[in-house]
Amino acid sequence: MLPTTLVNSGSQGNGVLSPRDAARHTAGAKRYKYLRRLFHVRQMDFEFALWQMLYLFTSPQRVYRNFHYRKQTKDQWARDDPAFLVLLSIWLCVSTVGFGFVLDMGFFETIKLLLWVVFIDCVGVGLLIATLMWFISNKYLVKQQNRDYDVEWGYAFDVHLNAFYPLLVILHFIQLFFINYVIISDSVIGYFVGNTLWLIAIGYYIYVTFLGYSALPFLKNTAILLYPFALLIMLYLISLACGWNFTKMLCSFYKYRVK
């Protein structure tokens, strides 16, 4: 689960890891440790994961500062504790059930929607985005003088989870209280409120993603990750001018999925 790998670092005097230490620092070994802890609830620090979720809204820089501490103390940037992923999954399930209730779906329709959201929207899209960002960052953002470092896929997926959580809360929780009475109405205020929530949610995703990659000292030109803001604002203004209602479209898509 290491996001960075230092090829020539080690604890021996000649700069080479001993075979035992090298085995402990492989991506496979850390992945095994992460997955093993997933089945041991007592080994997971849920209090710390809740702290991270809170600060992803109020001060996401502090969350990535903690990633620096983990690199210094455990020689890895990515999380070694699946507690954040577990809590995110719970949030996703609860909010999706709430969506099913607001859209007046039956029990089996809600279960089908839940499976779609978890395995397609969250896991599937998350794997795709993490892989794409992993490729782009390693291909174009790593400094020439630091070619011994690379962004590993585990950290890219962590950054996606960090950015996805605020988006999930805004669109799948806060928005629920306004859907039936405000957002899906045919009034101007309806699509203004709904599209503004989409603007905030996706803007938060872009910003938290930028913070994640700018926190890595061996990357350059990470400011380009903020460029999608211009396209986002342009799309937001066009949607208001044309009367597009993104939330209404999402609700119709959800209903179509569960037919």
Protein backbone atom coordinates (compact mmCIF):
# COMPACT_ATOMS: atom_id res chain seq x y z
CA MET A 1 0.00 0.00 0.00
CA LEU A 2 3.01 2.34 -0.25
CA PRO A 3 2.31 5.36 -2.46
CA THR A 4 6.01 5.96 -2.89
CA THR A 5 8.89 3.58 -3.28
CA LEU A 6 12.49 4.53 -2.67
CA VAL A 7 14.51 2.04 -4.62
CA ASN A 8 17.87 2.68 -3.06
CA SER A 9 16.87 3.33 0.55
CA GLY A 10 17.63 0.87 3.32
CA SER A 11 18.76 0.39 6.85
CA GLN A 12 22.13 -1.16 6.08
CA GLY A 13 25.26 0.88 5.81
CA ASN A 14 25.59 0.35 2.08
CA GLY A 15 22.03 1.65 1.51
CA VAL A 16 20.57 -1.76 0.67
CA LEU A 17 17.70 -3.32 2.56
CA SER A 18 18.29 -6.69 4.12
CA PRO A 19 16.14 -9.49 2.66
CA ARG A 20 13.94 -9.52 5.78
CA ASP A 21 13.36 -5.75 5.73
CA ALA A 22 12.83 -5.77 1.97
CA ALA A 23 10.07 -8.35 2.36
CA ARG A 24 8.33 -6.14 4.93
CA HIS A 25 8.43 -3.12 2.62
CA THR A 26 6.98 -4.70 -0.50
CA ALA A 27 3.60 -3.50 -1.73
CA GLY A 28 2.26 -7.04 -1.46
CA ALA A 29 3.24 -7.35 2.19
CA LYS A 30 1.62 -4.04 3.10
CA ARG A 31 -1.49 -4.92 1.12
CA TYR A 32 -1.73 -8.21 3.01
CA LYS A 33 -1.40 -6.38 6.35
CA TYR A 34 -4.11 -3.89 5.34
CA LEU A 35 -6.57 -6.59 4.25
CA ARG A 36 -5.84 -8.70 7.33
CA ARG A 37 -6.74 -5.79 9.61
CA LEU A 38 -10.01 -5.44 7.74
CA PHE A 39 -11.21 -8.59 9.52
CA HIS A 40 -9.98 -7.52 12.97
CA VAL A 41 -12.26 -4.77 14.20
CA ARG A 42 -10.33 -4.21 17.42
CA GLN A 43 -7.20 -3.34 15.45
CA MET A 44 -8.92 -0.51 13.60
CA ASP A 45 -8.78 3.06 14.92
CA PHE A 46 -12.29 4.36 14.22
CA GLU A 47 -11.82 7.43 16.39
CA PHE A 48 -8.91 8.58 14.26
CA ALA A 49 -10.86 7.82 11.07
CA LEU A 50 -13.73 10.00 12.34
CA TRP A 51 -11.20 12.76 13.04
CA GLN A 52 -10.04 12.54 9.43
CA MET A 53 -13.62 12.70 8.13
CA LEU A 54 -14.28 15.82 10.18
CA TYR A 55 -11.14 17.60 8.99
CA LEU A 56 -11.73 16.69 5.36
CA PHE A 57 -14.51 19.30 5.61
CA THR A 58 -12.93 21.86 7.90
CA SER A 59 -9.18 21.59 7.20
CA PRO A 60 -8.18 18.89 4.66
CA GLN A 61 -4.57 20.10 4.79
CA ARG A 62 -4.32 18.67 8.32
CA VAL A 63 -5.34 15.24 7.02
CA TYR A 64 -2.51 15.19 4.50
CA ARG A 65 -0.12 16.53 7.12
CA ASN A 66 -0.87 13.34 9.01
CA PHE A 67 0.09 11.37 5.88
CA HIS A 68 3.51 13.01 6.20
CA TYR A 69 3.75 11.80 9.80
CA ARG A 70 2.87 8.28 8.71
CA LYS A 71 5.63 8.38 6.11
CA GLN A 72 8.14 9.41 8.79
CA THR A 73 7.04 6.87 11.40
CA LYS A 74 5.91 3.89 9.30
CA ASP A 75 7.74 4.52 6.04
CA GLN A 76 4.56 4.73 4.00
CA TRP A 77 2.21 7.45 2.87
CA ALA A 78 -0.96 5.40 2.35
CA ARG A 79 -3.21 4.30 5.16
CA ASP A 80 -2.35 1.06 6.88
CA ASP A 81 -5.67 1.06 8.77
CA PRO A 82 -8.91 0.22 6.89
CA ALA A 83 -11.10 2.03 9.46
CA PHE A 84 -11.68 4.99 7.11
CA LEU A 85 -12.81 2.67 4.32
CA VAL A 86 -15.18 0.83 6.70
CA LEU A 87 -16.78 4.06 7.93
CA LEU A 88 -17.06 5.37 4.38
CA SER A 89 -18.85 2.17 3.38
CA ILE A 90 -21.30 2.60 6.25
CA TRP A 91 -21.93 6.21 5.23
CA LEU A 92 -22.51 5.07 1.65
CA CYS A 93 -25.01 2.39 2.66
CA VAL A 94 -26.98 4.65 5.02
CA SER A 95 -27.15 7.55 2.56
CA THR A 96 -28.20 5.27 -0.30
CA VAL A 97 -31.01 3.80 1.81
CA GLY A 98 -32.03 7.40 2.53
CA PHE A 99 -32.04 8.09 -1.21
CA GLY A 100 -34.28 5.08 -1.77
CA PHE A 101 -36.67 6.32 0.91
CA VAL A 102 -36.82 9.85 -0.50
CA LEU A 103 -37.44 8.51 -4.02
CA ASP A 104 -40.17 6.21 -2.66
CA MET A 105 -38.46 2.99 -3.75
CA GLY A 106 -39.47 -0.42 -2.51
CA PHE A 107 -37.24 -2.72 -0.45
CA PHE A 108 -35.79 -4.70 -3.36
CA GLU A 109 -35.38 -1.58 -5.48
CA THR A 110 -33.42 0.04 -2.66
CA ILE A 111 -31.19 -3.04 -2.32
CA LYS A 112 -30.56 -3.02 -6.05
CA LEU A 113 -29.72 0.69 -5.90
CA LEU A 114 -27.38 0.06 -2.97
CA LEU A 115 -25.49 -2.62 -4.91
CA TRP A 116 -25.18 -0.32 -7.90
CA VAL A 117 -23.91 2.61 -5.85
CA VAL A 118 -21.42 0.55 -3.83
CA PHE A 119 -19.92 -1.63 -6.55
CA ILE A 120 -20.25 0.63 -9.60
CA ASP A 121 -20.34 4.26 -8.46
CA CYS A 122 -17.94 3.92 -5.53
CA VAL A 123 -15.69 0.91 -6.12
CA GLY A 124 -15.74 0.71 -9.92
CA VAL A 125 -15.43 4.43 -10.63
CA GLY A 126 -12.95 4.75 -7.74
CA LEU A 127 -10.68 2.07 -9.20
CA LEU A 128 -10.85 3.76 -12.60
CA ILE A 129 -10.07 7.25 -11.27
CA ALA A 130 -7.29 6.01 -8.97
CA THR A 131 -5.67 4.09 -11.82
CA LEU A 132 -5.93 7.09 -14.15
CA MET A 133 -4.43 9.47 -11.58
CA TRP A 134 -1.72 6.94 -10.72
CA PHE A 135 -0.74 6.78 -14.40
CA ILE A 136 -0.86 10.55 -14.97
CA SER A 137 1.10 11.43 -11.83
CA ASN A 138 3.85 8.89 -12.55
CA LYS A 139 4.00 9.73 -16.24
CA TYR A 140 3.92 13.51 -16.14
CA LEU A 141 4.25 14.88 -12.59
CA VAL A 142 7.27 13.12 -11.05
CA LYS A 143 10.33 15.38 -10.93
CA GLN A 144 13.18 14.29 -13.19
CA GLN A 145 15.68 14.36 -10.34
CA ASN A 146 13.50 12.07 -8.24
CA ARG A 147 12.94 9.20 -10.63
CA ASP A 148 13.72 6.78 -7.81
CA TYR A 149 10.28 7.70 -6.39
CA ASP A 150 6.92 6.85 -7.84
CA VAL A 151 3.32 7.26 -6.79
CA GLU A 152 1.93 3.83 -6.10
CA TRP A 153 -1.63 2.91 -6.74
CA GLY A 154 -2.55 2.52 -3.04
CA TYR A 155 -1.97 6.19 -2.32
CA ALA A 156 -3.90 7.25 -5.42
CA PHE A 157 -6.88 5.26 -4.14
CA ASP A 158 -6.52 6.87 -0.69
CA VAL A 159 -6.65 10.31 -2.28
CA HIS A 160 -9.81 9.31 -4.14
CA LEU A 161 -11.47 8.12 -0.92
CA ASN A 162 -10.55 11.38 0.82
CA ALA A 163 -12.06 13.42 -2.01
CA PHE A 164 -15.09 11.17 -2.41
CA TYR A 165 -16.23 11.46 1.21
CA PRO A 166 -17.21 15.19 1.16
CA LEU A 167 -18.89 14.66 -2.22
CA LEU A 168 -20.85 11.74 -0.77
CA VAL A 169 -22.03 13.73 2.25
CA ILE A 170 -23.11 16.74 0.17
CA LEU A 171 -24.90 14.88 -2.63
CA HIS A 172 -26.12 11.77 -0.79
CA PHE A 173 -26.97 13.24 2.61
CA ILE A 174 -27.36 17.02 2.76
CA GLN A 175 -29.15 17.08 -0.58
CA LEU A 176 -31.76 14.56 0.63
CA PHE A 177 -33.43 17.19 2.81
CA PHE A 178 -34.13 19.43 -0.21
CA ILE A 179 -34.94 17.00 -3.02
CA ASN A 180 -38.71 16.54 -2.75
CA TYR A 181 -39.60 20.02 -1.53
CA VAL A 182 -37.14 22.23 -3.41
CA ILE A 183 -34.73 20.69 -5.88
CA ILE A 184 -36.86 18.52 -8.17
CA SER A 185 -39.50 21.19 -8.55
CA ASP A 186 -39.69 22.96 -11.90
CA SER A 187 -38.84 26.33 -10.38
CA VAL A 188 -35.66 28.30 -10.90
CA ILE A 189 -34.78 28.00 -7.22
CA GLY A 190 -34.99 24.21 -7.55
CA TYR A 191 -32.25 23.72 -10.13
CA PHE A 192 -30.27 26.62 -8.65
CA VAL A 193 -30.06 24.92 -5.24
CA GLY A 194 -29.45 21.47 -6.72
CA ASN A 195 -26.79 22.55 -9.21
CA THR A 196 -25.06 24.69 -6.58
CA LEU A 197 -24.73 21.64 -4.34
CA TRP A 198 -23.21 19.77 -7.28
CA LEU A 199 -20.79 22.65 -7.85
CA ILE A 200 -19.69 22.58 -4.21
CA ALA A 201 -19.40 18.78 -4.08
CA ILE A 202 -17.38 18.35 -7.28
CA GLY A 203 -15.31 21.45 -6.46
CA TYR A 204 -14.46 19.88 -3.10
CA TYR A 205 -13.47 16.65 -4.87
CA ILE A 206 -11.09 18.52 -7.19
CA TYR A 207 -9.56 20.55 -4.35
CA VAL A 208 -8.99 17.60 -2.00
CA THR A 209 -7.49 15.62 -4.88
CA PHE A 210 -5.12 18.49 -5.60
CA LEU A 211 -4.07 18.63 -1.94
CA GLY A 212 -3.35 14.90 -1.98
CA TYR A 213 -0.89 15.05 -4.85
CA SER A 214 0.63 18.41 -3.91
CA ALA A 215 1.49 16.86 -0.51
CA LEU A 216 4.01 14.56 -2.21
CA PRO A 217 7.33 16.45 -2.34
CA PHE A 218 8.63 14.60 -5.40
CA LEU A 219 5.79 15.76 -7.69
CA LYS A 220 5.82 18.92 -9.79
CA ASN A 221 3.20 21.09 -11.50
CA THR A 222 0.38 19.70 -9.35
CA ALA A 223 -1.50 22.99 -9.86
CA ILE A 224 -2.73 21.59 -13.18
CA LEU A 225 -5.06 19.39 -11.13
CA LEU A 226 -7.03 22.57 -10.34
CA TYR A 227 -7.65 23.35 -14.02
CA PRO A 228 -10.95 21.39 -14.12
CA PHE A 229 -12.38 24.16 -11.89
CA ALA A 230 -12.70 26.39 -14.97
CA LEU A 231 -14.69 23.73 -16.85
CA LEU A 232 -16.81 23.05 -13.76
CA ILE A 233 -17.79 26.70 -13.32
CA MET A 234 -18.51 27.05 -17.03
CA LEU A 235 -20.76 23.98 -16.96
CA TYR A 236 -22.50 25.31 -13.84
CA LEU A 237 -23.30 28.65 -15.51
CA ILE A 238 -24.51 26.93 -18.69
CA SER A 239 -26.77 24.64 -16.62
CA LEU A 240 -28.38 27.65 -14.91
CA ALA A 241 -28.89 29.42 -18.25
CA CYS A 242 -30.42 26.32 -19.86
CA GLY A 243 -32.45 25.21 -16.83
CA TRP A 244 -30.71 21.83 -16.46
CA ASN A 245 -31.39 20.12 -13.15
CA PHE A 246 -28.56 17.68 -12.40
CA THR A 247 -30.24 16.26 -9.30
CA LYS A 248 -33.47 15.59 -11.18
CA MET A 249 -31.44 13.81 -13.85
CA LEU A 250 -29.68 11.76 -11.17
CA CYS A 251 -32.97 10.74 -9.57
CA SER A 252 -34.37 9.68 -12.95
CA PHE A 253 -31.19 7.70 -13.61
CA TYR A 254 -31.42 5.96 -10.22
CA LYS A 255 -35.04 5.00 -10.90
CA TYR A 256 -34.08 3.68 -14.34
CA ARG A 257 -31.32 1.57 -12.79
CA VAL A 258 -33.60 -0.32 -10.44
CA LYS A 259 -36.32 -1.17 -12.94
